[in-house]
Protein backbone atom coordinates (compact mmCIF):
# COMPACT_ATOMS: atom_id res chain seq x y z
CA UNK A 1 34.57 80.90 60.26
CA UNK A 2 32.84 78.23 62.26
CA UNK A 3 29.07 78.72 62.36
CA UNK A 4 29.03 81.76 60.07
CA UNK A 5 26.72 81.98 57.06
CA UNK A 6 28.17 82.77 53.65
CA UNK A 7 26.76 82.77 50.14
CA UNK A 8 28.21 81.47 46.91
CA UNK A 9 26.90 81.72 43.36
CA UNK A 10 27.54 78.43 41.61
CA UNK A 11 27.17 78.03 37.83
CA UNK A 12 24.55 75.50 36.86
CA UNK A 13 24.08 73.86 33.46
CA UNK A 14 24.12 76.53 30.75
CA UNK A 15 23.67 80.18 31.77
CA UNK A 16 21.63 79.51 34.91
CA UNK A 17 23.01 80.51 38.27
CA UNK A 18 22.21 78.74 41.49
CA UNK A 19 22.52 80.62 44.75
CA UNK A 20 23.82 78.48 47.58
CA UNK A 21 23.85 79.60 51.20
CA UNK A 22 26.31 77.75 53.39
CA UNK A 23 25.22 77.92 57.02
CA UNK A 24 26.70 75.85 59.81
CA UNK A 25 28.42 73.60 57.28
CA UNK A 26 25.22 72.73 55.40
CA UNK A 27 24.44 73.83 51.85
CA UNK A 28 20.97 75.29 51.28
CA UNK A 29 19.81 75.99 47.72
CA UNK A 30 17.99 79.28 47.28
CA UNK A 31 15.43 79.75 44.54
CA UNK A 32 16.40 81.99 41.63
CA UNK A 33 14.66 85.32 41.15
CA UNK A 34 12.57 85.62 38.01
CA UNK A 35 13.18 88.47 35.59
CA UNK A 36 10.14 90.39 34.37
CA UNK A 37 10.47 89.74 30.63
CA UNK A 38 8.46 92.81 29.61
CA UNK A 39 10.82 95.06 31.57
CA UNK A 40 13.92 93.24 30.29
CA UNK A 41 12.99 94.18 26.71
CA UNK A 42 12.51 97.87 27.56
CA UNK A 43 15.60 98.73 29.61
CA UNK A 44 19.34 98.52 28.86
CA UNK A 45 22.42 99.28 30.95
CA UNK A 46 24.98 101.86 29.83
CA UNK A 47 28.71 101.33 30.15
CA UNK A 48 28.79 103.33 33.37
CA UNK A 49 26.03 101.20 34.93
CA UNK A 50 23.10 103.59 34.51
CA UNK A 51 19.78 102.35 33.13
CA UNK A 52 18.36 103.83 29.93
CA UNK A 53 14.99 103.53 28.21
CA UNK A 54 13.28 104.86 25.11
CA UNK A 55 10.66 107.59 25.35
CA UNK A 56 6.94 107.00 25.03
CA UNK A 57 4.38 108.63 22.67
CA UNK A 58 6.34 107.93 19.46
CA UNK A 59 4.31 105.10 17.94
CA UNK A 60 1.05 106.60 16.62
CA UNK A 61 -0.84 109.88 16.04
CA UNK A 62 2.40 111.31 14.69
CA UNK A 63 0.75 113.75 12.27
CA UNK A 64 -0.40 115.86 15.22
CA UNK A 65 3.13 116.12 16.64
CA UNK A 66 5.70 118.60 15.40
CA UNK A 67 8.87 117.49 13.67
CA UNK A 68 10.98 118.73 16.58
CA UNK A 69 8.90 116.80 19.07
CA UNK A 70 9.14 113.58 17.04
CA UNK A 71 12.89 114.05 16.65
CA UNK A 72 13.32 114.41 20.42
CA UNK A 73 11.20 111.30 21.03
CA UNK A 74 13.70 109.21 19.03
CA UNK A 75 16.39 109.70 21.68
CA UNK A 76 16.72 107.44 24.69
CA UNK A 77 17.04 108.85 28.16
CA UNK A 78 18.19 107.66 31.56
CA UNK A 79 15.79 106.29 34.15
CA UNK A 80 15.23 108.78 36.95
CA UNK A 81 17.00 108.11 40.24
CA UNK A 82 13.77 107.44 42.10
CA UNK A 83 12.75 104.71 39.60
CA UNK A 84 16.09 102.86 39.45
CA UNK A 85 15.22 100.79 42.53
CA UNK A 86 11.93 99.66 40.96
CA UNK A 87 13.57 98.71 37.66
CA UNK A 88 16.29 96.73 39.42
CA UNK A 89 13.62 94.83 41.33
CA UNK A 90 12.00 93.83 38.02
CA UNK A 91 15.33 92.88 36.43
CA UNK A 92 17.47 91.44 39.25
CA UNK A 93 20.35 90.22 37.04
CA UNK A 94 20.66 93.43 35.04
């Protein structure tokens, strides 16, 4: 593999990961991607790898909503397929 570029993820102190790119025998450190902390608190990953979130409109003005509607708002749901790419961009290490 002379002259080929390859990447390696090397554990740093603690939980941090450092991405190293080895190209032509030299090691180049890549900067780590930052996680959007607001998004990290709102999305979770299921066991099968799908992303779930909780529904909106359940925090106030609840007297105007029916009991059935409030009950359905308590459930979480999966992120739509078209939005998965955007969520993964916000949370790269999800």
